[in-house]
């Protein structure tokens, strides 16, 4: 009977420790996700502003149609490269 009660106490201690660890890891994971989302937003905003600035520069040099075509090609290439990279990472 004493061995059973020690076993149950040890089991309860283990469950409590695992619960604490799970909560700690959950908080760390949530912080990492929030940081990644903020980084993605900043990266996207930076790309938009960089693209806008480059478009305005090219529009003065070669006109709006050519600038639009060049910027579209640039962002299609960038998007394709990111898609290809994500696909390779997903396979491995």
PDB file of N, CA and C in Angstrom:
ATOM      1  N   UNK A   1       0.817  -1.193   0.000  1.00  0.00           N
ATOM      2  CA  UNK A   1       0.000   0.000   0.000  1.00  0.00           C
ATOM      3  C   UNK A   1       0.868   1.266   0.000  1.00  0.00           C
ATOM      4  N   UNK A   2       1.950   1.210   0.758  1.00  0.00           N
ATOM      5  CA  UNK A   2       2.845   2.368   0.835  1.00  0.00           C
ATOM      6  C   UNK A   2       3.525   2.600  -0.517  1.00  0.00           C
ATOM      7  N   UNK A   3       3.879   1.534  -1.181  1.00  0.00           N
ATOM      8  CA  UNK A   3       4.518   1.659  -2.491  1.00  0.00           C
ATOM      9  C   UNK A   3       3.553   2.287  -3.502  1.00  0.00           C
ATOM     10  N   UNK A   4       2.283   1.924  -3.420  1.00  0.00           N
ATOM     11  CA  UNK A   4       1.288   2.499  -4.313  1.00  0.00           C
ATOM     12  C   UNK A   4       1.112   3.992  -4.053  1.00  0.00           C
ATOM     13  N   UNK A   5       1.087   4.401  -2.788  1.00  0.00           N
ATOM     14  CA  UNK A   5       0.930   5.826  -2.471  1.00  0.00           C
ATOM     15  C   UNK A   5       2.163   6.614  -2.917  1.00  0.00           C
ATOM     16  N   UNK A   6       3.369   6.033  -2.776  1.00  0.00           N
ATOM     17  CA  UNK A   6       4.587   6.725  -3.259  1.00  0.00           C
ATOM     18  C   UNK A   6       4.550   6.854  -4.784  1.00  0.00           C
ATOM     19  N   UNK A   7       4.089   5.804  -5.424  1.00  0.00           N
ATOM     20  CA  UNK A   7       3.974   5.837  -6.874  1.00  0.00           C
ATOM     21  C   UNK A   7       3.011   6.938  -7.317  1.00  0.00           C
ATOM     22  N   UNK A   8       1.856   7.036  -6.658  1.00  0.00           N
ATOM     23  CA  UNK A   8       0.875   8.059  -7.022  1.00  0.00           C
ATOM     24  C   UNK A   8       1.406   9.461  -6.752  1.00  0.00           C
ATOM     25  N   UNK A   9       2.130   9.664  -5.657  1.00  0.00           N
ATOM     26  CA  UNK A   9       2.724  10.976  -5.374  1.00  0.00           C
ATOM     27  C   UNK A   9       3.779  11.334  -6.420  1.00  0.00           C
ATOM     28  N   UNK A  10       4.597  10.360  -6.776  1.00  0.00           N
ATOM     29  CA  UNK A  10       5.606  10.598  -7.809  1.00  0.00           C
ATOM     30  C   UNK A  10       4.947  10.909  -9.151  1.00  0.00           C
ATOM     31  N   UNK A  11       3.865  10.216  -9.458  1.00  0.00           N
ATOM     32  CA  UNK A  11       3.136  10.463 -10.695  1.00  0.00           C
ATOM     33  C   UNK A  11       2.539  11.873 -10.700  1.00  0.00           C
ATOM     34  N   UNK A  12       1.984  12.293  -9.586  1.00  0.00           N
ATOM     35  CA  UNK A  12       1.423  13.653  -9.487  1.00  0.00           C
ATOM     36  C   UNK A  12       2.514  14.705  -9.631  1.00  0.00           C
ATOM     37  N   UNK A  13       3.664  14.482  -9.038  1.00  0.00           N
ATOM     38  CA  UNK A  13       4.790  15.413  -9.189  1.00  0.00           C
ATOM     39  C   UNK A  13       5.235  15.494 -10.641  1.00  0.00           C
ATOM     40  N   UNK A  14       5.279  14.346 -11.298  1.00  0.00           N
ATOM     41  CA  UNK A  14       5.671  14.317 -12.700  1.00  0.00           C
ATOM     42  C   UNK A  14       4.668  15.081 -13.563  1.00  0.00           C
ATOM     43  N   UNK A  15       3.390  14.866 -13.342  1.00  0.00           N
ATOM     44  CA  UNK A  15       2.353  15.562 -14.116  1.00  0.00           C
ATOM     45  C   UNK A  15       2.448  17.073 -13.886  1.00  0.00           C
ATOM     46  N   UNK A  16       2.686  17.485 -12.649  1.00  0.00           N
ATOM     47  CA  UNK A  16       2.808  18.912 -12.346  1.00  0.00           C
ATOM     48  C   UNK A  16       4.023  19.515 -13.050  1.00  0.00           C
ATOM     49  N   UNK A  17       5.148  18.811 -13.003  1.00  0.00           N
ATOM     50  CA  UNK A  17       6.357  19.313 -13.657  1.00  0.00           C
ATOM     51  C   UNK A  17       6.166  19.400 -15.173  1.00  0.00           C
ATOM     52  N   UNK A  18       5.540  18.399 -15.743  1.00  0.00           N
ATOM     53  CA  UNK A  18       5.298  18.420 -17.182  1.00  0.00           C
ATOM     54  C   UNK A  18       4.334  19.553 -17.562  1.00  0.00           C
ATOM     55  N   UNK A  19       3.350  19.796 -16.730  1.00  0.00           N
ATOM     56  CA  UNK A  19       2.418  20.902 -16.983  1.00  0.00           C
ATOM     57  C   UNK A  19       3.115  22.244 -16.958  1.00  0.00           C
ATOM     58  N   UNK A  20       4.012  22.433 -15.989  1.00  0.00           N
ATOM     59  CA  UNK A  20       4.776  23.684 -15.914  1.00  0.00           C
ATOM     60  C   UNK A  20       5.655  23.853 -17.146  1.00  0.00           C
ATOM     61  N   UNK A  21       6.314  22.770 -17.547  1.00  0.00           N
ATOM     62  CA  UNK A  21       7.180  22.821 -18.720  1.00  0.00           C
ATOM     63  C   UNK A  21       6.375  23.117 -19.986  1.00  0.00           C
ATOM     64  N   UNK A  22       5.202  22.505 -20.105  1.00  0.00           N
ATOM     65  CA  UNK A  22       4.343  22.747 -21.262  1.00  0.00           C
ATOM     66  C   UNK A  22       3.908  24.211 -21.327  1.00  0.00           C
ATOM     67  N   UNK A  23       3.550  24.779 -20.187  1.00  0.00           N
ATOM     68  CA  UNK A  23       3.148  26.187 -20.164  1.00  0.00           C
ATOM     69  C   UNK A  23       4.319  27.086 -20.555  1.00  0.00           C
ATOM     70  N   UNK A  24       5.501  26.781 -20.043  1.00  0.00           N
ATOM     71  CA  UNK A  24       6.682  27.582 -20.365  1.00  0.00           C
ATOM     72  C   UNK A  24       6.998  27.498 -21.853  1.00  0.00           C
ATOM     73  N   UNK A  25       6.963  26.296 -22.402  1.00  0.00           N
ATOM     74  CA  UNK A  25       7.239  26.126 -23.834  1.00  0.00           C
ATOM     75  C   UNK A  25       6.159  26.779 -24.691  1.00  0.00           C
ATOM     76  N   UNK A  26       4.931  26.761 -24.223  1.00  0.00           N
ATOM     77  CA  UNK A  26       3.854  27.422 -24.958  1.00  0.00           C
ATOM     78  C   UNK A  26       4.057  28.922 -25.035  1.00  0.00           C
ATOM     79  N   UNK A  27       4.488  29.514 -23.927  1.00  0.00           N
ATOM     80  CA  UNK A  27       4.764  30.955 -23.914  1.00  0.00           C
ATOM     81  C   UNK A  27       5.931  31.273 -24.851  1.00  0.00           C
ATOM     82  N   UNK A  28       6.971  30.460 -24.815  1.00  0.00           N
ATOM     83  CA  UNK A  28       8.115  30.679 -25.703  1.00  0.00           C
ATOM     84  C   UNK A  28       7.715  30.551 -27.172  1.00  0.00           C
ATOM     85  N   UNK A  29       6.880  29.578 -27.472  1.00  0.00           N
ATOM     86  CA  UNK A  29       6.427  29.396 -28.854  1.00  0.00           C
ATOM     87  C   UNK A  29       5.565  30.574 -29.306  1.00  0.00           C
ATOM     88  N   UNK A  30       4.698  31.062 -28.431  1.00  0.00           N
ATOM     89  CA  UNK A  30       3.847  32.209 -28.772  1.00  0.00           C
ATOM     90  C   UNK A  30       4.694  33.458 -29.013  1.00  0.00           C
ATOM     91  N   UNK A  31       5.727  33.646 -28.202  1.00  0.00           N
ATOM     92  CA  UNK A  31       6.614  34.792 -28.407  1.00  0.00           C
ATOM     93  C   UNK A  31       7.359  34.676 -29.726  1.00  0.00           C
ATOM     94  N   UNK A  32       7.799  33.480 -30.070  1.00  0.00           N
ATOM     95  CA  UNK A  32       8.503  33.282 -31.335  1.00  0.00           C
ATOM     96  C   UNK A  32       7.587  33.553 -32.521  1.00  0.00           C
ATOM     97  N   UNK A  33       6.352  33.091 -32.446  1.00  0.00           N
ATOM     98  CA  UNK A  33       5.394  33.328 -33.535  1.00  0.00           C
ATOM     99  C   UNK A  33       5.103  34.822 -33.672  1.00  0.00           C
ATOM    100  N   UNK A  34       4.905  35.501 -32.548  1.00  0.00           N
ATOM    101  CA  UNK A  34       4.637  36.943 -32.598  1.00  0.00           C
ATOM    102  C   UNK A  34       5.823  37.695 -33.192  1.00  0.00           C
ATOM    103  N   UNK A  35       7.027  37.294 -32.832  1.00  0.00           N
ATOM    104  CA  UNK A  35       8.218  37.948 -33.376  1.00  0.00           C
ATOM    105  C   UNK A  35       8.335  37.698 -34.873  1.00  0.00           C
ATOM    106  N   UNK A  36       8.055  36.476 -35.308  1.00  0.00           N
ATOM    107  CA  UNK A  36       8.115  36.173 -36.734  1.00  0.00           C
ATOM    108  C   UNK A  36       7.064  36.949 -37.522  1.00  0.00           C
ATOM    109  N   UNK A  37       5.869  37.081 -36.975  1.00  0.00           N
ATOM    110  CA  UNK A  37       4.833  37.854 -37.665  1.00  0.00           C
ATOM    111  C   UNK A  37       5.223  39.323 -37.778  1.00  0.00           C
ATOM    112  N   UNK A  38       5.791  39.876 -36.721  1.00  0.00           N
ATOM    113  CA  UNK A  38       6.238  41.269 -36.767  1.00  0.00           C
ATOM    114  C   UNK A  38       7.362  41.435 -37.781  1.00  0.00           C
ATOM    115  N   UNK A  39       8.294  40.484 -37.805  1.00  0.00           N
ATOM    116  CA  UNK A  39       9.390  40.546 -38.766  1.00  0.00           C
ATOM    117  C   UNK A  39       8.859  40.442 -40.196  1.00  0.00           C
ATOM    118  N   UNK A  40       7.881  39.553 -40.425  1.00  0.00           N
ATOM    119  CA  UNK A  40       7.295  39.422 -41.755  1.00  0.00           C
ATOM    120  C   UNK A  40       6.601  40.710 -42.175  1.00  0.00           C
ATOM    121  N   UNK A  41       5.866  41.338 -41.252  1.00  0.00           N
ATOM    122  CA  UNK A  41       5.188  42.591 -41.569  1.00  0.00           C
ATOM    123  C   UNK A  41       6.203  43.675 -41.923  1.00  0.00           C
ATOM    124  N   UNK A  42       7.277  43.780 -41.136  1.00  0.00           N
ATOM    125  CA  UNK A  42       8.301  44.796 -41.409  1.00  0.00           C
ATOM    126  C   UNK A  42       8.982  44.530 -42.753  1.00  0.00           C
ATOM    127  N   UNK A  43       9.251  43.262 -43.047  1.00  0.00           N
ATOM    128  CA  UNK A  43       9.870  42.907 -44.317  1.00  0.00           C
ATOM    129  C   UNK A  43       8.945  43.244 -45.481  1.00  0.00           C
ATOM    130  N   UNK A  44       7.678  42.914 -45.354  1.00  0.00           N
ATOM    131  CA  UNK A  44       6.715  43.201 -46.425  1.00  0.00           C
ATOM    132  C   UNK A  44       6.574  44.710 -46.631  1.00  0.00           C
ATOM    133  N   UNK A  45       6.480  45.450 -45.550  1.00  0.00           N
ATOM    134  CA  UNK A  45       6.358  46.907 -45.665  1.00  0.00           C
ATOM    135  C   UNK A  45       7.611  47.500 -46.304  1.00  0.00           C
ATOM    136  N   UNK A  46       8.765  47.005 -45.911  1.00  0.00           N
ATOM    137  CA  UNK A  46      10.014  47.482 -46.506  1.00  0.00           C
ATOM    138  C   UNK A  46      10.078  47.195 -47.997  1.00  0.00           C
ATOM    139  N   UNK A  47       9.639  46.002 -48.396  1.00  0.00           N
ATOM    140  CA  UNK A  47       9.633  45.673 -49.820  1.00  0.00           C
ATOM    141  C   UNK A  47       8.656  46.546 -50.602  1.00  0.00           C
ATOM    142  N   UNK A  48       7.511  46.817 -50.012  1.00  0.00           N
ATOM    143  CA  UNK A  48       6.530  47.672 -50.687  1.00  0.00           C
ATOM    144  C   UNK A  48       7.101  49.079 -50.878  1.00  0.00           C
ATOM    145  N   UNK A  49       7.686  49.620 -49.836  1.00  0.00           N
ATOM    146  CA  UNK A  49       8.240  50.976 -49.941  1.00  0.00           C
ATOM    147  C   UNK A  49       9.441  51.017 -50.882  1.00  0.00           C
ATOM    148  N   UNK A  50      10.268  49.980 -50.855  1.00  0.00           N
ATOM    149  CA  UNK A  50      11.395  49.919 -51.780  1.00  0.00           C
ATOM    150  C   UNK A  50      10.902  49.816 -53.221  1.00  0.00           C
ATOM    151  N   UNK A  51       9.893  48.981 -53.441  1.00  0.00           N
ATOM    152  CA  UNK A  51       9.328  48.855 -54.774  1.00  0.00           C
ATOM    153  C   UNK A  51       8.707  50.159 -55.266  1.00  0.00           C
ATOM    154  N   UNK A  52       8.017  50.852 -54.368  1.00  0.00           N
ATOM    155  CA  UNK A  52       7.412  52.143 -54.739  1.00  0.00           C
ATOM    156  C   UNK A  52       8.483  53.169 -55.117  1.00  0.00           C
ATOM    157  N   UNK A  53       9.538  53.219 -54.326  1.00  0.00           N
ATOM    158  CA  UNK A  53      10.618  54.155 -54.634  1.00  0.00           C
ATOM    159  C   UNK A  53      11.303  53.825 -55.949  1.00  0.00           C
ATOM    160  N   UNK A  54      11.549  52.550 -56.177  1.00  0.00           N
ATOM    161  CA  UNK A  54      12.174  52.149 -57.432  1.00  0.00           C
ATOM    162  C   UNK A  54      11.253  52.424 -58.615  1.00  0.00           C
ATOM    163  N   UNK A  55       9.957  52.182 -58.418  1.00  0.00           N
ATOM    164  CA  UNK A  55       8.991  52.469 -59.489  1.00  0.00           C
ATOM    165  C   UNK A  55       9.004  53.956 -59.842  1.00  0.00           C
ATOM    166  N   UNK A  56       8.957  54.805 -58.826  1.00  0.00           N
ATOM    167  CA  UNK A  56       8.953  56.251 -59.101  1.00  0.00           C
ATOM    168  C   UNK A  56      10.229  56.689 -59.812  1.00  0.00           C
ATOM    169  N   UNK A  57      11.346  56.096 -59.428  1.00  0.00           N
ATOM    170  CA  UNK A  57      12.613  56.421 -60.092  1.00  0.00           C
ATOM    171  C   UNK A  57      12.592  55.976 -61.552  1.00  0.00           C
ATOM    172  N   UNK A  58      12.149  54.731 -61.778  1.00  0.00           N
ATOM    173  CA  UNK A  58      12.121  54.219 -63.152  1.00  0.00           C
ATOM    174  C   UNK A  58      11.069  54.912 -64.002  1.00  0.00           C
ATOM    175  N   UNK A  59       9.966  55.336 -63.380  1.00  0.00           N
ATOM    176  CA  UNK A  59       8.922  56.030 -64.132  1.00  0.00           C
ATOM    177  C   UNK A  59       9.439  57.358 -64.688  1.00  0.00           C
ATOM    178  N   UNK A  60      10.320  58.002 -63.944  1.00  0.00           N
ATOM    179  CA  UNK A  60      10.900  59.254 -64.449  1.00  0.00           C
ATOM    180  C   UNK A  60      11.894  58.988 -65.573  1.00  0.00           C
ATOM    181  N   UNK A  61      12.608  57.869 -65.480  1.00  0.00           N
ATOM    182  CA  UNK A  61      13.602  57.567 -66.511  1.00  0.00           C
ATOM    183  C   UNK A  61      12.963  57.063 -67.798  1.00  0.00           C
ATOM    184  N   UNK A  62      12.099  56.038 -67.697  1.00  0.00           N
ATOM    185  CA  UNK A  62      11.592  55.363 -68.887  1.00  0.00           C
ATOM    186  C   UNK A  62      10.082  55.437 -69.057  1.00  0.00           C
ATOM    187  N   UNK A  63       9.367  56.043 -68.158  1.00  0.00           N
ATOM    188  CA  UNK A  63       7.923  56.144 -68.268  1.00  0.00           C
ATOM    189  C   UNK A  63       7.216  55.055 -67.464  1.00  0.00           C
ATOM    190  N   UNK A  64       5.945  55.307 -67.131  1.00  0.00           N
ATOM    191  CA  UNK A  64       5.199  54.371 -66.283  1.00  0.00           C
ATOM    192  C   UNK A  64       5.018  52.962 -66.843  1.00  0.00           C
ATOM    193  N   UNK A  65       4.751  52.758 -68.131  1.00  0.00           N
ATOM    194  CA  UNK A  65       4.561  51.376 -68.597  1.00  0.00           C
ATOM    195  C   UNK A  65       5.821  50.506 -68.441  1.00  0.00           C
ATOM    196  N   UNK A  66       6.948  51.061 -68.802  1.00  0.00           N
ATOM    197  CA  UNK A  66       8.197  50.309 -68.684  1.00  0.00           C
ATOM    198  C   UNK A  66       8.547  50.072 -67.225  1.00  0.00           C
ATOM    199  N   UNK A  67       8.340  51.080 -66.397  1.00  0.00           N
ATOM    200  CA  UNK A  67       8.619  50.938 -64.965  1.00  0.00           C
ATOM    201  C   UNK A  67       7.718  49.870 -64.347  1.00  0.00           C
ATOM    202  N   UNK A  68       6.451  49.853 -64.737  1.00  0.00           N
ATOM    203  CA  UNK A  68       5.532  48.832 -64.217  1.00  0.00           C
ATOM    204  C   UNK A  68       5.960  47.433 -64.654  1.00  0.00           C
ATOM    205  N   UNK A  69       6.372  47.299 -65.896  1.00  0.00           N
ATOM    206  CA  UNK A  69       6.812  45.996 -66.388  1.00  0.00           C
ATOM    207  C   UNK A  69       8.067  45.521 -65.658  1.00  0.00           C
ATOM    208  N   UNK A  70       9.009  46.419 -65.459  1.00  0.00           N
ATOM    209  CA  UNK A  70      10.234  46.040 -64.755  1.00  0.00           C
ATOM    210  C   UNK A  70       9.960  45.678 -63.299  1.00  0.00           C
ATOM    211  N   UNK A  71       9.130  46.465 -62.631  1.00  0.00           N
ATOM    212  CA  UNK A  71       8.823  46.182 -61.224  1.00  0.00           C
ATOM    213  C   UNK A  71       8.022  44.889 -61.102  1.00  0.00           C
ATOM    214  N   UNK A  72       7.092  44.668 -62.012  1.00  0.00           N
ATOM    215  CA  UNK A  72       6.340  43.418 -62.001  1.00  0.00           C
ATOM    216  C   UNK A  72       7.248  42.220 -62.201  1.00  0.00           C
ATOM    217  N   UNK A  73       8.177  42.332 -63.122  1.00  0.00           N
ATOM    218  CA  UNK A  73       9.124  41.242 -63.367  1.00  0.00           C
ATOM    219  C   UNK A  73      10.001  40.998 -62.137  1.00  0.00           C
ATOM    220  N   UNK A  74      10.447  42.070 -61.519  1.00  0.00           N
ATOM    221  CA  UNK A  74      11.293  41.943 -60.326  1.00  0.00           C
ATOM    222  C   UNK A  74      10.552  41.225 -59.202  1.00  0.00           C
ATOM    223  N   UNK A  75       9.315  41.637 -58.936  1.00  0.00           N
ATOM    224  CA  UNK A  75       8.572  41.028 -57.836  1.00  0.00           C
ATOM    225  C   UNK A  75       8.087  39.612 -58.186  1.00  0.00           C
ATOM    226  N   UNK A  76       7.830  39.330 -59.455  1.00  0.00           N
ATOM    227  CA  UNK A  76       7.527  37.956 -59.851  1.00  0.00           C
ATOM    228  C   UNK A  76       8.735  37.047 -59.628  1.00  0.00           C
ATOM    229  N   UNK A  77       9.915  37.537 -59.980  1.00  0.00           N
ATOM    230  CA  UNK A  77      11.128  36.752 -59.764  1.00  0.00           C
ATOM    231  C   UNK A  77      11.374  36.537 -58.272  1.00  0.00           C
ATOM    232  N   UNK A  78      11.181  37.581 -57.483  1.00  0.00           N
ATOM    233  CA  UNK A  78      11.359  37.466 -56.033  1.00  0.00           C
ATOM    234  C   UNK A  78      10.360  36.484 -55.435  1.00  0.00           C
ATOM    235  N   UNK A  79       9.109  36.591 -55.831  1.00  0.00           N
ATOM    236  CA  UNK A  79       8.081  35.674 -55.338  1.00  0.00           C
ATOM    237  C   UNK A  79       8.342  34.239 -55.767  1.00  0.00           C
ATOM    238  N   UNK A  80       8.762  34.044 -57.000  1.00  0.00           N
ATOM    239  CA  UNK A  80       9.089  32.706 -57.478  1.00  0.00           C
ATOM    240  C   UNK A  80      10.266  32.103 -56.730  1.00  0.00           C
ATOM    241  N   UNK A  81      11.269  32.926 -56.461  1.00  0.00           N
ATOM    242  CA  UNK A  81      12.415  32.440 -55.703  1.00  0.00           C
ATOM    243  C   UNK A  81      12.043  32.045 -54.290  1.00  0.00           C
ATOM    244  N   UNK A  82      11.198  32.842 -53.654  1.00  0.00           N
ATOM    245  CA  UNK A  82      10.753  32.505 -52.301  1.00  0.00           C
ATOM    246  C   UNK A  82       9.890  31.248 -52.303  1.00  0.00           C
ATOM    247  N   UNK A  83       9.042  31.102 -53.309  1.00  0.00           N
ATOM    248  CA  UNK A  83       8.196  29.910 -53.422  1.00  0.00           C
ATOM    249  C   UNK A  83       9.064  28.666 -53.614  1.00  0.00           C
ATOM    250  N   UNK A  84      10.064  28.771 -54.478  1.00  0.00           N
ATOM    251  CA  UNK A  84      10.963  27.657 -54.737  1.00  0.00           C
ATOM    252  C   UNK A  84      11.726  27.278 -53.461  1.00  0.00           C
ATOM    253  N   UNK A  85      12.215  28.279 -52.735  1.00  0.00           N
ATOM    254  CA  UNK A  85      12.939  28.025 -51.490  1.00  0.00           C
ATOM    255  C   UNK A  85      12.038  27.357 -50.459  1.00  0.00           C
ATOM    256  N   UNK A  86      10.814  27.848 -50.323  1.00  0.00           N
ATOM    257  CA  UNK A  86       9.872  27.248 -49.371  1.00  0.00           C
ATOM    258  C   UNK A  86       9.544  25.811 -49.767  1.00  0.00           C
ATOM    259  N   UNK A  87       9.404  25.548 -51.052  1.00  0.00           N
ATOM    260  CA  UNK A  87       9.127  24.192 -51.519  1.00  0.00           C
ATOM    261  C   UNK A  87      10.276  23.240 -51.224  1.00  0.00           C
ATOM    262  N   UNK A  88      11.482  23.700 -51.405  1.00  0.00           N
ATOM    263  CA  UNK A  88      12.652  22.854 -51.102  1.00  0.00           C
ATOM    264  C   UNK A  88      12.757  22.567 -49.613  1.00  0.00           C
ATOM    265  N   UNK A  89      12.465  23.582 -48.793  1.00  0.00           N
ATOM    266  CA  UNK A  89      12.526  23.376 -47.341  1.00  0.00           C
ATOM    267  C   UNK A  89      11.418  22.442 -46.871  1.00  0.00           C
ATOM    268  N   UNK A  90      10.259  22.499 -47.513  1.00  0.00           N
ATOM    269  CA  UNK A  90       9.144  21.638 -47.127  1.00  0.00           C
ATOM    270  C   UNK A  90       9.424  20.173 -47.454  1.00  0.00           C
ATOM    271  N   UNK A  91      10.187  19.925 -48.513  1.00  0.00           N
ATOM    272  CA  UNK A  91      10.497  18.556 -48.898  1.00  0.00           C
ATOM    273  C   UNK A  91      11.559  17.923 -48.008  1.00  0.00           C
ATOM    274  N   UNK A  92      12.435  18.745 -47.426  1.00  0.00           N
ATOM    275  CA  UNK A  92      13.514  18.161 -46.619  1.00  0.00           C
ATOM    276  C   UNK A  92      13.202  18.103 -45.155  1.00  0.00           C
TER     277      UNK A  92
END
